[in-house]
Structures are given as structure tokens and as C-alpha cells.
Amino acid sequence: MNRRDFLRTGAAAALAMTAGSSFTGADESKPLIWSELLHLGKNMWGDTPRAYGPPQTSLGLDVTVWNEVTEKMSRAGLNMIVIDLGEGVRYQSHPELAIEGSWSTDRLREELVRLRSLGLEPIPKLNFSSCHDIWLGEYSRMVSTPEYYKVCSDLIEEVCALFDGPRFFHLGYDEENYNNQATYDFVVIRQGELWWHDFLFFCDEVSKHHSRPWIWADYAVDHEEEFMKRTPKSVVLSNWYYGTNFGPDTKVVQFFKKFDEAGFDQIPCGSNWSNDTNFRQLVSYCGQTVSEERLLGYLHAPWHSTTKGSRQKLLDSVDQVEEMIRS
């Protein structure tokens, strides 16, 4: 059985057993997901000072802000937190990726216990897009080599164990194109069969640990026909849109309906990055557009580091999700 057949059959069966539901539809025994993305690591945007600043050499996470935001998430009724790990953990399999202040695996486990006690389901995120993998250190310049595959496999295995077999594993996989790397010193873009080989490799690695692959779905916008045919239905899609025009002239918005019609489960993603009305509009639009059996829930991504300077932006983002939970 080749990799693609495995993902469409064997992995799907494993996911159905371990997640407690069929991978082809929402689990009625589980509530609608209301989730927030928070950053532990942040070396994901650029490899030079002219590309969003140089990679960080110390973590810079404000634990007080982290605790305040997560506690507010719990009070607001959110039930999931997606943690962008990056270089924020001193992985036992690859400690060379750590920077000053990276959490030990014991520290991370302690935090996962605290988050669960708040009613928040912790979901790991490691972005393997070549546009957002500076956290991989030297391995970000070894994409698609045997050593790269080994390191990525090691990390996925370790993270799945740390999270005690998470229901989902967010792989990122967005914005892998030249426009988003134009200011980088080292540009890497997988195309054609290599893109698909690596994408299915990551899905395979996650699935064999009985977790469900979750990705940003923007690759479909420029590769619609191929994406719809070749992406396994086991993959959860987050079509992300942060604007305010939900009309028929906004191309990315039309993919909420297209993914639904193609049979994909979705967790639409909004943000308060550029405005404070997007999430309200997103939930309203998707609630009317995406079928109930395919709509697993929603994700809010403020795209701000967990620091004092971003505290209010993060708290505001939780307010916006709470508004829709209570509506």
C-alpha cells in the first residue's frame, strides 16, 4: 500500500478509533470547538533582521500574561487552546533547537495539566511550512533531506507523547511561496510532487500516532483542483480569512463553501490582527455556509507574541470569541 492509500484507509480507520468519531464528520458527543492560538515560541517569521527582525535567542514569553489570557479563556467558555510550540520547548529528542528560556518537557507537561484543569483541550502546533520553520534551526536549511525527515519525525513523535495523544496536531503548512519569503536570505519553496510528498509525509507521521492532521488551507487557493483531489479527508482544514468582505468577490471566502461541498471537516480561522469585526462576521458567515456535520468549530488567531506589549490584544481576542460563544 502506498502512502496516499494508507492515508485514505489505514490512517482514517486509526483516527476514527482514537478520536471517538468518524474522521468524515463532526462528533456529536463533542461540543463545538471554540479555540485560541497562543505562541510559546516565535521564531517563525524570517531569517534576517529585514524579515520581521532576526530570530530570537531568548524566549521572551511573559508567564503572567500567558496565565492571565488562559484563565480568561476558561472563564469566557473557550474549550481549546492551540499552542504554537516552535523553539519554545527543549525537546529531549533534539535539545539543539532550544534557546534561552525554552521550557523543559517537564515544565510543558505541568502546564498541560493546568490547562486541562481550566477546561481547555491543549493542541500542539509545529509549523513545517518552509516559510515558517526558522524554529527548526539548521534543519530549516535541510528541507526534504533524509536528516530533515528524521528530525521532523522525532519531533512529532515526542510532541504527541508530551500531549498524551492529542486529538489534533496542527502542522501549519501555509504561505510556502516566494511572495512570503521575498525578504528572506534563504528561500525554500517545495513545488509539484515534492510538495505533495512532504505534505503526505507529515500527515502520515501524525496519523500513525493516532492524532488527526490539521493545516492552514491556503494552498488550495492557487491549486484548487489538485488540492481537492489529493488531500486526504482525514485532514482538518482551517481556511483563514482576516478581512471584512465576505462577499462573492473575495476568493478565499468562497473556499468555506467549496471545502464543505468537497467533504472536508473545517475549523474556520479569524483574527483581530487588522480589525475587531472579522471574527463576528466569520462565525456568522460560516454558520450559514458550512454544513453542521462538517463544522467542527472555530479558531481565533491574534498573531501576537505572549508578552506584556501584546497583553491587551490577546485579551481583546478572547473577548471576541466569548461574544460569539454567548450569542
C-alpha atoms as a PDB file:
ATOM      1  CA  MET A   1       0.000   0.000   0.000  1.00  0.00           C
ATOM      2  CA  ASN A   2       1.467   3.364  -0.956  1.00  0.00           C
ATOM      3  CA  ARG A   3       1.491   6.439   1.278  1.00  0.00           C
ATOM      4  CA  ARG A   4      -1.572   8.046  -0.246  1.00  0.00           C
ATOM      5  CA  ASP A   5      -3.635   4.848   0.045  1.00  0.00           C
ATOM      6  CA  PHE A   6      -2.583   4.470   3.664  1.00  0.00           C
ATOM      7  CA  LEU A   7      -3.751   7.964   4.480  1.00  0.00           C
ATOM      8  CA  ARG A   8      -7.113   7.344   2.850  1.00  0.00           C
ATOM      9  CA  THR A   9      -7.675   3.971   4.536  1.00  0.00           C
ATOM     10  CA  GLY A  10      -5.444   2.795   7.358  1.00  0.00           C
ATOM     11  CA  ALA A  11      -4.866   6.206   8.900  1.00  0.00           C
ATOM     12  CA  ALA A  12      -8.517   7.062   8.587  1.00  0.00           C
ATOM     13  CA  ALA A  13      -9.506   3.920  10.482  1.00  0.00           C
ATOM     14  CA  ALA A  14      -6.993   4.640  13.223  1.00  0.00           C
ATOM     15  CA  LEU A  15      -8.255   8.187  13.541  1.00  0.00           C
ATOM     16  CA  ALA A  16     -11.843   7.029  13.763  1.00  0.00           C
ATOM     17  CA  MET A  17     -10.985   4.689  16.627  1.00  0.00           C
ATOM     18  CA  THR A  18      -8.781   7.049  18.598  1.00  0.00           C
ATOM     19  CA  ALA A  19     -10.756  10.260  18.166  1.00  0.00           C
ATOM     20  CA  GLY A  20     -14.022   8.598  19.069  1.00  0.00           C
ATOM     21  CA  SER A  21     -15.727   9.541  15.814  1.00  0.00           C
ATOM     22  CA  SER A  22     -15.580   9.113  12.087  1.00  0.00           C
ATOM     23  CA  PHE A  23     -12.999  11.367  10.508  1.00  0.00           C
ATOM     24  CA  THR A  24     -15.544  12.340   7.862  1.00  0.00           C
ATOM     25  CA  GLY A  25     -17.834  14.312  10.126  1.00  0.00           C
ATOM     26  CA  ALA A  26     -18.243  16.158  13.398  1.00  0.00           C
ATOM     27  CA  ASP A  27     -18.562  14.097  16.556  1.00  0.00           C
ATOM     28  CA  GLU A  28     -21.951  14.868  18.080  1.00  0.00           C
ATOM     29  CA  SER A  29     -20.651  13.797  21.507  1.00  0.00           C
ATOM     30  CA  LYS A  30     -18.110  16.638  21.480  1.00  0.00           C
ATOM     31  CA  PRO A  31     -19.093  20.310  21.788  1.00  0.00           C
ATOM     32  CA  LEU A  32     -18.369  22.862  19.086  1.00  0.00           C
ATOM     33  CA  ILE A  33     -14.728  23.904  19.284  1.00  0.00           C
ATOM     34  CA  TRP A  34     -14.013  27.461  20.407  1.00  0.00           C
ATOM     35  CA  SER A  35     -10.244  27.797  20.310  1.00  0.00           C
ATOM     36  CA  GLU A  36      -7.495  30.361  20.587  1.00  0.00           C
ATOM     37  CA  LEU A  37      -3.955  30.242  19.183  1.00  0.00           C
ATOM     38  CA  LEU A  38      -1.222  31.235  21.640  1.00  0.00           C
ATOM     39  CA  HIS A  39       2.509  31.365  20.957  1.00  0.00           C
ATOM     40  CA  LEU A  40       5.101  29.689  23.117  1.00  0.00           C
ATOM     41  CA  GLY A  41       7.874  30.037  20.528  1.00  0.00           C
ATOM     42  CA  LYS A  42       8.047  32.763  17.898  1.00  0.00           C
ATOM     43  CA  ASN A  43      10.968  32.027  15.534  1.00  0.00           C
ATOM     44  CA  MET A  44       8.669  31.533  12.574  1.00  0.00           C
ATOM     45  CA  TRP A  45       8.801  34.709  10.511  1.00  0.00           C
ATOM     46  CA  GLY A  46      12.003  35.450   8.704  1.00  0.00           C
ATOM     47  CA  ASP A  47      15.684  34.622   8.937  1.00  0.00           C
ATOM     48  CA  THR A  48      17.154  38.145   8.783  1.00  0.00           C
ATOM     49  CA  PRO A  49      16.633  41.496  10.531  1.00  0.00           C
ATOM     50  CA  ARG A  50      14.864  42.836   7.436  1.00  0.00           C
ATOM     51  CA  ALA A  51      12.351  39.979   7.581  1.00  0.00           C
ATOM     52  CA  TYR A  52      10.365  40.720  10.757  1.00  0.00           C
ATOM     53  CA  GLY A  53      13.548  41.036  12.782  1.00  0.00           C
ATOM     54  CA  PRO A  54      16.285  38.458  13.490  1.00  0.00           C
ATOM     55  CA  PRO A  55      15.487  35.081  15.048  1.00  0.00           C
ATOM     56  CA  GLN A  56      15.096  35.311  18.816  1.00  0.00           C
ATOM     57  CA  THR A  57      17.852  33.932  21.032  1.00  0.00           C
ATOM     58  CA  SER A  58      15.765  34.038  24.217  1.00  0.00           C
ATOM     59  CA  LEU A  59      12.137  33.033  24.641  1.00  0.00           C
ATOM     60  CA  GLY A  60      10.705  36.325  25.852  1.00  0.00           C
ATOM     61  CA  LEU A  61       7.428  34.724  26.994  1.00  0.00           C
ATOM     62  CA  ASP A  62       5.636  36.587  29.778  1.00  0.00           C
ATOM     63  CA  VAL A  63       4.205  33.858  32.019  1.00  0.00           C
ATOM     64  CA  THR A  64       1.967  36.347  33.839  1.00  0.00           C
ATOM     65  CA  VAL A  65       0.324  37.325  30.560  1.00  0.00           C
ATOM     66  CA  TRP A  66       0.114  33.673  29.475  1.00  0.00           C
ATOM     67  CA  ASN A  67      -1.684  32.757  32.709  1.00  0.00           C
ATOM     68  CA  GLU A  68      -3.990  35.762  32.564  1.00  0.00           C
ATOM     69  CA  VAL A  69      -5.042  35.046  28.997  1.00  0.00           C
ATOM     70  CA  THR A  70      -5.577  31.314  29.515  1.00  0.00           C
ATOM     71  CA  GLU A  71      -7.577  31.885  32.704  1.00  0.00           C
ATOM     72  CA  LYS A  72      -9.739  34.387  30.845  1.00  0.00           C
ATOM     73  CA  MET A  73     -10.212  31.846  28.056  1.00  0.00           C
ATOM     74  CA  SER A  74     -11.588  29.406  30.607  1.00  0.00           C
ATOM     75  CA  ARG A  75     -13.993  31.940  32.129  1.00  0.00           C
ATOM     76  CA  ALA A  76     -15.113  33.002  28.650  1.00  0.00           C
ATOM     77  CA  GLY A  77     -16.183  29.493  27.715  1.00  0.00           C
ATOM     78  CA  LEU A  78     -13.412  28.572  25.269  1.00  0.00           C
ATOM     79  CA  ASN A  79     -12.661  24.845  25.298  1.00  0.00           C
ATOM     80  CA  MET A  80      -9.431  24.510  23.285  1.00  0.00           C
ATOM     81  CA  ILE A  81      -6.013  26.141  23.119  1.00  0.00           C
ATOM     82  CA  VAL A  82      -3.680  25.631  20.138  1.00  0.00           C
ATOM     83  CA  ILE A  83      -0.092  26.105  21.291  1.00  0.00           C
ATOM     84  CA  ASP A  84       2.459  27.209  18.704  1.00  0.00           C
ATOM     85  CA  LEU A  85       5.448  25.418  20.195  1.00  0.00           C
ATOM     86  CA  GLY A  86       8.336  26.170  17.858  1.00  0.00           C
ATOM     87  CA  GLU A  87      11.592  26.652  19.735  1.00  0.00           C
ATOM     88  CA  GLY A  88       9.682  27.173  22.996  1.00  0.00           C
ATOM     89  CA  VAL A  89      10.408  23.637  24.211  1.00  0.00           C
ATOM     90  CA  ARG A  90      13.717  21.935  24.973  1.00  0.00           C
ATOM     91  CA  TYR A  91      12.818  18.724  23.155  1.00  0.00           C
ATOM     92  CA  GLN A  92      14.577  15.663  24.521  1.00  0.00           C
ATOM     93  CA  SER A  93      14.963  14.277  21.017  1.00  0.00           C
ATOM     94  CA  HIS A  94      16.552  17.490  19.712  1.00  0.00           C
ATOM     95  CA  PRO A  95      17.715  19.802  22.513  1.00  0.00           C
ATOM     96  CA  GLU A  96      19.826  21.696  19.987  1.00  0.00           C
ATOM     97  CA  LEU A  97      16.663  23.541  18.885  1.00  0.00           C
ATOM     98  CA  ALA A  98      16.214  25.197  22.279  1.00  0.00           C
ATOM     99  CA  ILE A  99      17.038  28.817  23.041  1.00  0.00           C
ATOM    100  CA  GLU A 100      17.463  30.595  26.357  1.00  0.00           C
ATOM    101  CA  GLY A 101      14.255  30.183  28.351  1.00  0.00           C
ATOM    102  CA  SER A 102      12.800  27.276  26.362  1.00  0.00           C
ATOM    103  CA  TRP A 103      10.566  25.191  28.601  1.00  0.00           C
ATOM    104  CA  SER A 104      11.695  21.781  29.716  1.00  0.00           C
ATOM    105  CA  THR A 105       9.418  18.907  28.803  1.00  0.00           C
ATOM    106  CA  ASP A 106       8.518  18.584  32.498  1.00  0.00           C
ATOM    107  CA  ARG A 107       7.516  22.259  32.568  1.00  0.00           C
ATOM    108  CA  LEU A 108       5.362  21.770  29.488  1.00  0.00           C
ATOM    109  CA  ARG A 109       3.658  18.712  30.980  1.00  0.00           C
ATOM    110  CA  GLU A 110       2.863  20.695  34.124  1.00  0.00           C
ATOM    111  CA  GLU A 111       1.312  23.429  32.030  1.00  0.00           C
ATOM    112  CA  LEU A 112      -0.783  20.968  30.044  1.00  0.00           C
ATOM    113  CA  VAL A 113      -2.211  19.656  33.322  1.00  0.00           C
ATOM    114  CA  ARG A 114      -3.075  23.223  34.378  1.00  0.00           C
ATOM    115  CA  LEU A 115      -4.725  23.988  31.038  1.00  0.00           C
ATOM    116  CA  ARG A 116      -6.837  20.850  31.197  1.00  0.00           C
ATOM    117  CA  SER A 117      -7.908  21.778  34.723  1.00  0.00           C
ATOM    118  CA  LEU A 118      -9.218  25.030  33.210  1.00  0.00           C
ATOM    119  CA  GLY A 119     -11.320  23.070  30.737  1.00  0.00           C
ATOM    120  CA  LEU A 120      -9.009  23.840  27.818  1.00  0.00           C
ATOM    121  CA  GLU A 121      -8.025  20.990  25.492  1.00  0.00           C
ATOM    122  CA  PRO A 122      -4.376  21.602  24.532  1.00  0.00           C
ATOM    123  CA  ILE A 123      -3.477  21.002  20.893  1.00  0.00           C
ATOM    124  CA  PRO A 124       0.128  21.170  19.622  1.00  0.00           C
ATOM    125  CA  LYS A 125       1.192  23.190  16.601  1.00  0.00           C
ATOM    126  CA  LEU A 126       4.532  22.875  14.812  1.00  0.00           C
ATOM    127  CA  ASN A 127       4.643  24.758  11.545  1.00  0.00           C
ATOM    128  CA  PHE A 128       6.522  22.766   8.890  1.00  0.00           C
ATOM    129  CA  SER A 129       5.956  25.276   6.110  1.00  0.00           C
ATOM    130  CA  SER A 130       9.349  26.311   4.733  1.00  0.00           C
ATOM    131  CA  CYS A 131       8.141  29.891   5.189  1.00  0.00           C
ATOM    132  CA  HIS A 132       7.671  29.490   8.950  1.00  0.00           C
ATOM    133  CA  ASP A 133      10.268  26.966  10.105  1.00  0.00           C
ATOM    134  CA  ILE A 134      13.098  29.137  11.447  1.00  0.00           C
ATOM    135  CA  TRP A 135      12.427  27.417  14.774  1.00  0.00           C
ATOM    136  CA  LEU A 136      13.988  24.294  13.221  1.00  0.00           C
ATOM    137  CA  GLY A 137      17.401  25.977  13.287  1.00  0.00           C
ATOM    138  CA  GLU A 138      19.930  24.400  10.941  1.00  0.00           C
ATOM    139  CA  TYR A 139      17.343  21.852   9.811  1.00  0.00           C
ATOM    140  CA  SER A 140      15.288  24.615   8.198  1.00  0.00           C
ATOM    141  CA  ARG A 141      18.042  24.634   5.571  1.00  0.00           C
ATOM    142  CA  MET A 142      17.857  20.861   5.063  1.00  0.00           C
ATOM    143  CA  VAL A 143      14.249  20.642   3.863  1.00  0.00           C
ATOM    144  CA  SER A 144      13.346  17.342   2.155  1.00  0.00           C
ATOM    145  CA  THR A 145      16.609  15.608   3.036  1.00  0.00           C
ATOM    146  CA  PRO A 146      16.848  12.312   4.970  1.00  0.00           C
ATOM    147  CA  GLU A 147      18.092  14.142   8.068  1.00  0.00           C
ATOM    148  CA  TYR A 148      15.204  16.604   7.854  1.00  0.00           C
ATOM    149  CA  TYR A 149      12.619  13.820   7.681  1.00  0.00           C
ATOM    150  CA  LYS A 150      14.229  12.083  10.663  1.00  0.00           C
ATOM    151  CA  VAL A 151      14.235  15.225  12.812  1.00  0.00           C
ATOM    152  CA  CYS A 152      10.638  16.108  11.938  1.00  0.00           C
ATOM    153  CA  SER A 153       9.508  12.554  12.633  1.00  0.00           C
ATOM    154  CA  ASP A 154      11.297  12.588  16.008  1.00  0.00           C
ATOM    155  CA  LEU A 155       9.642  15.875  16.981  1.00  0.00           C
ATOM    156  CA  ILE A 156       6.142  14.791  16.007  1.00  0.00           C
ATOM    157  CA  GLU A 157       6.545  11.546  17.966  1.00  0.00           C
ATOM    158  CA  GLU A 158       7.827  13.361  21.049  1.00  0.00           C
ATOM    159  CA  VAL A 159       5.165  16.076  20.950  1.00  0.00           C
ATOM    160  CA  CYS A 160       2.376  13.527  20.553  1.00  0.00           C
ATOM    161  CA  ALA A 161       3.686  11.751  23.645  1.00  0.00           C
ATOM    162  CA  LEU A 162       4.028  15.004  25.605  1.00  0.00           C
ATOM    163  CA  PHE A 163       0.412  15.889  24.794  1.00  0.00           C
ATOM    164  CA  ASP A 164      -0.755  12.365  25.679  1.00  0.00           C
ATOM    165  CA  GLY A 165      -2.087  11.631  22.209  1.00  0.00           C
ATOM    166  CA  PRO A 166      -3.734  14.901  21.162  1.00  0.00           C
ATOM    167  CA  ARG A 167      -6.983  14.768  19.205  1.00  0.00           C
ATOM    168  CA  PHE A 168      -5.457  17.071  16.560  1.00  0.00           C
ATOM    169  CA  PHE A 169      -1.935  18.118  15.554  1.00  0.00           C
ATOM    170  CA  HIS A 170      -1.644  21.421  13.707  1.00  0.00           C
ATOM    171  CA  LEU A 171       1.065  21.211  11.027  1.00  0.00           C
ATOM    172  CA  GLY A 172       0.832  24.785   9.765  1.00  0.00           C
ATOM    173  CA  TYR A 173       1.911  24.367   6.149  1.00  0.00           C
ATOM    174  CA  ASP A 174       0.880  27.837   4.969  1.00  0.00           C
ATOM    175  CA  GLU A 175       2.350  30.562   2.751  1.00  0.00           C
ATOM    176  CA  GLU A 176       5.091  28.439   1.176  1.00  0.00           C
ATOM    177  CA  ASN A 177       5.669  30.713  -1.798  1.00  0.00           C
ATOM    178  CA  TYR A 178       8.102  33.369  -2.957  1.00  0.00           C
ATOM    179  CA  ASN A 179       5.956  36.386  -2.088  1.00  0.00           C
ATOM    180  CA  ASN A 180       6.039  35.451   1.587  1.00  0.00           C
ATOM    181  CA  GLN A 181       9.803  34.851   1.568  1.00  0.00           C
ATOM    182  CA  ALA A 182      10.898  37.775  -0.578  1.00  0.00           C
ATOM    183  CA  THR A 183      12.831  39.378   2.287  1.00  0.00           C
ATOM    184  CA  TYR A 184      14.457  36.113   3.441  1.00  0.00           C
ATOM    185  CA  ASP A 185      18.136  35.391   2.802  1.00  0.00           C
ATOM    186  CA  PHE A 186      17.391  31.701   2.280  1.00  0.00           C
ATOM    187  CA  VAL A 187      14.298  30.932   0.228  1.00  0.00           C
ATOM    188  CA  VAL A 188      12.826  27.404   0.124  1.00  0.00           C
ATOM    189  CA  ILE A 189       9.720  26.511  -1.867  1.00  0.00           C
ATOM    190  CA  ARG A 190       8.557  22.960  -2.407  1.00  0.00           C
ATOM    191  CA  GLN A 191       6.536  22.524  -5.603  1.00  0.00           C
ATOM    192  CA  GLY A 192       4.812  19.821  -7.587  1.00  0.00           C
ATOM    193  CA  GLU A 193       5.298  16.247  -6.413  1.00  0.00           C
ATOM    194  CA  LEU A 194       7.818  17.228  -3.750  1.00  0.00           C
ATOM    195  CA  TRP A 195       5.222  19.441  -2.040  1.00  0.00           C
ATOM    196  CA  TRP A 196       2.764  16.557  -2.036  1.00  0.00           C
ATOM    197  CA  HIS A 197       5.349  14.011  -0.907  1.00  0.00           C
ATOM    198  CA  ASP A 198       6.315  16.089   2.109  1.00  0.00           C
ATOM    199  CA  PHE A 199       2.762  17.117   2.959  1.00  0.00           C
ATOM    200  CA  LEU A 200       1.612  13.488   2.954  1.00  0.00           C
ATOM    201  CA  PHE A 201       4.721  12.519   4.929  1.00  0.00           C
ATOM    202  CA  PHE A 202       3.686  14.887   7.726  1.00  0.00           C
ATOM    203  CA  CYS A 203       0.088  13.689   7.637  1.00  0.00           C
ATOM    204  CA  ASP A 204       1.356  10.109   7.830  1.00  0.00           C
ATOM    205  CA  GLU A 205       3.631  10.872  10.807  1.00  0.00           C
ATOM    206  CA  VAL A 206       0.797  12.490  12.750  1.00  0.00           C
ATOM    207  CA  SER A 207      -1.732   9.797  11.867  1.00  0.00           C
ATOM    208  CA  LYS A 208       0.453   6.899  12.967  1.00  0.00           C
ATOM    209  CA  HIS A 209       0.468   8.422  16.460  1.00  0.00           C
ATOM    210  CA  HIS A 210      -3.329   8.398  16.389  1.00  0.00           C
ATOM    211  CA  SER A 211      -3.700  12.149  16.066  1.00  0.00           C
ATOM    212  CA  ARG A 212      -5.509  13.979  13.290  1.00  0.00           C
ATOM    213  CA  PRO A 213      -3.619  16.313  10.900  1.00  0.00           C
ATOM    214  CA  TRP A 214      -4.806  19.931  10.888  1.00  0.00           C
ATOM    215  CA  ILE A 215      -3.476  22.538   8.453  1.00  0.00           C
ATOM    216  CA  TRP A 216      -3.899  26.070   7.167  1.00  0.00           C
ATOM    217  CA  ALA A 217      -5.685  25.572   3.847  1.00  0.00           C
ATOM    218  CA  ASP A 218      -4.375  28.455   1.738  1.00  0.00           C
ATOM    219  CA  TYR A 219      -2.509  26.126  -0.668  1.00  0.00           C
ATOM    220  CA  ALA A 220      -5.901  25.306  -2.174  1.00  0.00           C
ATOM    221  CA  VAL A 221      -6.482  28.868  -3.351  1.00  0.00           C
ATOM    222  CA  ASP A 222      -3.913  28.534  -6.157  1.00  0.00           C
ATOM    223  CA  HIS A 223      -4.097  24.732  -6.554  1.00  0.00           C
ATOM    224  CA  GLU A 224      -7.794  24.102  -6.146  1.00  0.00           C
ATOM    225  CA  GLU A 225      -8.429  21.088  -8.377  1.00  0.00           C
ATOM    226  CA  GLU A 226      -5.336  19.174  -7.252  1.00  0.00           C
ATOM    227  CA  PHE A 227      -5.866  20.022  -3.579  1.00  0.00           C
ATOM    228  CA  MET A 228      -9.451  18.786  -3.616  1.00  0.00           C
ATOM    229  CA  LYS A 229      -8.478  15.512  -5.282  1.00  0.00           C
ATOM    230  CA  ARG A 230      -5.323  14.654  -3.361  1.00  0.00           C
ATOM    231  CA  THR A 231      -5.803  15.910   0.173  1.00  0.00           C
ATOM    232  CA  PRO A 232      -6.998  13.091   2.454  1.00  0.00           C
ATOM    233  CA  LYS A 233     -10.366  13.709   4.092  1.00  0.00           C
ATOM    234  CA  SER A 234      -8.713  12.884   7.409  1.00  0.00           C
ATOM    235  CA  VAL A 235      -7.054  16.320   7.275  1.00  0.00           C
ATOM    236  CA  VAL A 236      -8.882  19.111   9.119  1.00  0.00           C
ATOM    237  CA  LEU A 237      -8.789  22.405   7.220  1.00  0.00           C
ATOM    238  CA  SER A 238      -8.555  25.901   8.630  1.00  0.00           C
ATOM    239  CA  ASN A 239      -9.416  28.291   5.853  1.00  0.00           C
ATOM    240  CA  TRP A 240      -8.200  31.589   7.290  1.00  0.00           C
ATOM    241  CA  TYR A 241      -9.583  34.992   6.447  1.00  0.00           C
ATOM    242  CA  TYR A 242      -8.960  38.130   8.500  1.00  0.00           C
ATOM    243  CA  GLY A 243     -10.745  40.764   6.422  1.00  0.00           C
ATOM    244  CA  THR A 244     -14.279  42.118   6.468  1.00  0.00           C
ATOM    245  CA  ASN A 245     -15.504  41.495   2.910  1.00  0.00           C
ATOM    246  CA  PHE A 246     -17.435  38.235   2.949  1.00  0.00           C
ATOM    247  CA  GLY A 247     -18.943  38.902  -0.459  1.00  0.00           C
ATOM    248  CA  PRO A 248     -18.663  36.755  -3.617  1.00  0.00           C
ATOM    249  CA  ASP A 249     -15.742  38.820  -4.903  1.00  0.00           C
ATOM    250  CA  THR A 250     -13.402  37.623  -2.117  1.00  0.00           C
ATOM    251  CA  LYS A 251     -11.770  34.481  -3.480  1.00  0.00           C
ATOM    252  CA  VAL A 252     -10.588  32.919  -0.228  1.00  0.00           C
ATOM    253  CA  VAL A 253     -14.032  33.316   1.360  1.00  0.00           C
ATOM    254  CA  GLN A 254     -15.553  31.110  -1.324  1.00  0.00           C
ATOM    255  CA  PHE A 255     -13.446  28.195  -0.125  1.00  0.00           C
ATOM    256  CA  PHE A 256     -15.510  27.764   3.027  1.00  0.00           C
ATOM    257  CA  LYS A 257     -18.328  26.534   0.805  1.00  0.00           C
ATOM    258  CA  LYS A 258     -16.024  24.707  -1.611  1.00  0.00           C
ATOM    259  CA  PHE A 259     -14.364  22.715   1.162  1.00  0.00           C
ATOM    260  CA  ASP A 260     -17.757  21.857   2.595  1.00  0.00           C
ATOM    261  CA  GLU A 261     -19.055  20.623  -0.736  1.00  0.00           C
ATOM    262  CA  ALA A 262     -15.878  18.555  -1.197  1.00  0.00           C
ATOM    263  CA  GLY A 263     -16.476  16.802   2.139  1.00  0.00           C
ATOM    264  CA  PHE A 264     -13.737  18.298   4.333  1.00  0.00           C
ATOM    265  CA  ASP A 265     -14.123  18.959   8.027  1.00  0.00           C
ATOM    266  CA  GLN A 266     -13.343  22.571   8.858  1.00  0.00           C
ATOM    267  CA  ILE A 267     -12.292  24.799  11.731  1.00  0.00           C
ATOM    268  CA  PRO A 268     -12.531  28.292  10.181  1.00  0.00           C
ATOM    269  CA  CYS A 269      -9.992  30.799  11.483  1.00  0.00           C
ATOM    270  CA  GLY A 270     -10.418  34.513  12.090  1.00  0.00           C
ATOM    271  CA  SER A 271      -8.311  37.175  13.764  1.00  0.00           C
ATOM    272  CA  ASN A 272      -8.213  40.625  15.316  1.00  0.00           C
ATOM    273  CA  TRP A 273      -4.892  41.304  13.617  1.00  0.00           C
ATOM    274  CA  SER A 274      -6.280  44.057  11.364  1.00  0.00           C
ATOM    275  CA  ASN A 275      -9.777  44.779  12.701  1.00  0.00           C
ATOM    276  CA  ASP A 276     -12.164  43.949  15.525  1.00  0.00           C
ATOM    277  CA  THR A 277     -15.153  42.764  13.491  1.00  0.00           C
ATOM    278  CA  ASN A 278     -13.719  39.881  11.469  1.00  0.00           C
ATOM    279  CA  PHE A 279     -14.437  37.073  13.919  1.00  0.00           C
ATOM    280  CA  ARG A 280     -18.054  38.102  14.403  1.00  0.00           C
ATOM    281  CA  GLN A 281     -18.552  38.157  10.634  1.00  0.00           C
ATOM    282  CA  LEU A 282     -16.647  34.898  10.131  1.00  0.00           C
ATOM    283  CA  VAL A 283     -18.781  32.964  12.605  1.00  0.00           C
ATOM    284  CA  SER A 284     -21.971  34.386  11.133  1.00  0.00           C
ATOM    285  CA  TYR A 285     -20.922  33.586   7.565  1.00  0.00           C
ATOM    286  CA  CYS A 286     -19.629  30.075   8.233  1.00  0.00           C
ATOM    287  CA  GLY A 287     -22.611  29.240  10.411  1.00  0.00           C
ATOM    288  CA  GLN A 288     -24.799  29.802   7.369  1.00  0.00           C
ATOM    289  CA  THR A 289     -22.402  28.368   4.778  1.00  0.00           C
ATOM    290  CA  VAL A 290     -20.689  25.300   6.250  1.00  0.00           C
ATOM    291  CA  SER A 291     -22.877  22.282   6.958  1.00  0.00           C
ATOM    292  CA  GLU A 292     -23.279  21.398  10.607  1.00  0.00           C
ATOM    293  CA  GLU A 293     -21.729  17.953  10.173  1.00  0.00           C
ATOM    294  CA  ARG A 294     -18.542  19.462   8.680  1.00  0.00           C
ATOM    295  CA  LEU A 295     -18.158  22.418  11.040  1.00  0.00           C
ATOM    296  CA  LEU A 296     -16.001  21.235  13.949  1.00  0.00           C
ATOM    297  CA  GLY A 297     -15.687  24.703  15.455  1.00  0.00           C
ATOM    298  CA  TYR A 298     -13.697  27.918  15.206  1.00  0.00           C
ATOM    299  CA  LEU A 299     -10.154  29.137  15.798  1.00  0.00           C
ATOM    300  CA  HIS A 300      -9.111  32.698  16.651  1.00  0.00           C
ATOM    301  CA  ALA A 301      -5.509  33.678  15.879  1.00  0.00           C
ATOM    302  CA  PRO A 302      -4.403  37.103  17.171  1.00  0.00           C
ATOM    303  CA  TRP A 303      -0.859  36.588  15.801  1.00  0.00           C
ATOM    304  CA  HIS A 304       0.792  38.378  18.686  1.00  0.00           C
ATOM    305  CA  SER A 305       3.511  37.038  20.969  1.00  0.00           C
ATOM    306  CA  THR A 306       2.622  36.316  24.575  1.00  0.00           C
ATOM    307  CA  THR A 307       4.277  39.420  26.014  1.00  0.00           C
ATOM    308  CA  LYS A 308       3.307  42.482  28.039  1.00  0.00           C
ATOM    309  CA  GLY A 309       3.233  44.581  24.893  1.00  0.00           C
ATOM    310  CA  SER A 310       0.620  42.296  23.344  1.00  0.00           C
ATOM    311  CA  ARG A 311      -1.409  41.701  26.506  1.00  0.00           C
ATOM    312  CA  GLN A 312      -4.409  43.838  25.549  1.00  0.00           C
ATOM    313  CA  LYS A 313      -4.542  42.480  22.010  1.00  0.00           C
ATOM    314  CA  LEU A 314      -4.652  38.937  23.379  1.00  0.00           C
ATOM    315  CA  LEU A 315      -7.320  39.759  25.960  1.00  0.00           C
ATOM    316  CA  ASP A 316      -9.391  41.509  23.297  1.00  0.00           C
ATOM    317  CA  SER A 317      -9.172  38.413  21.123  1.00  0.00           C
ATOM    318  CA  VAL A 318     -10.662  36.307  23.899  1.00  0.00           C
ATOM    319  CA  ASP A 319     -13.466  38.856  24.284  1.00  0.00           C
ATOM    320  CA  GLN A 320     -14.309  38.464  20.607  1.00  0.00           C
ATOM    321  CA  VAL A 321     -14.558  34.696  20.887  1.00  0.00           C
ATOM    322  CA  GLU A 322     -16.656  34.973  24.063  1.00  0.00           C
ATOM    323  CA  GLU A 323     -19.064  37.294  22.258  1.00  0.00           C
ATOM    324  CA  MET A 324     -19.788  34.601  19.702  1.00  0.00           C
ATOM    325  CA  ILE A 325     -19.993  31.812  22.269  1.00  0.00           C
ATOM    326  CA  ARG A 326     -22.608  33.768  24.196  1.00  0.00           C
ATOM    327  CA  SER A 327     -24.539  34.934  21.122  1.00  0.00           C
END
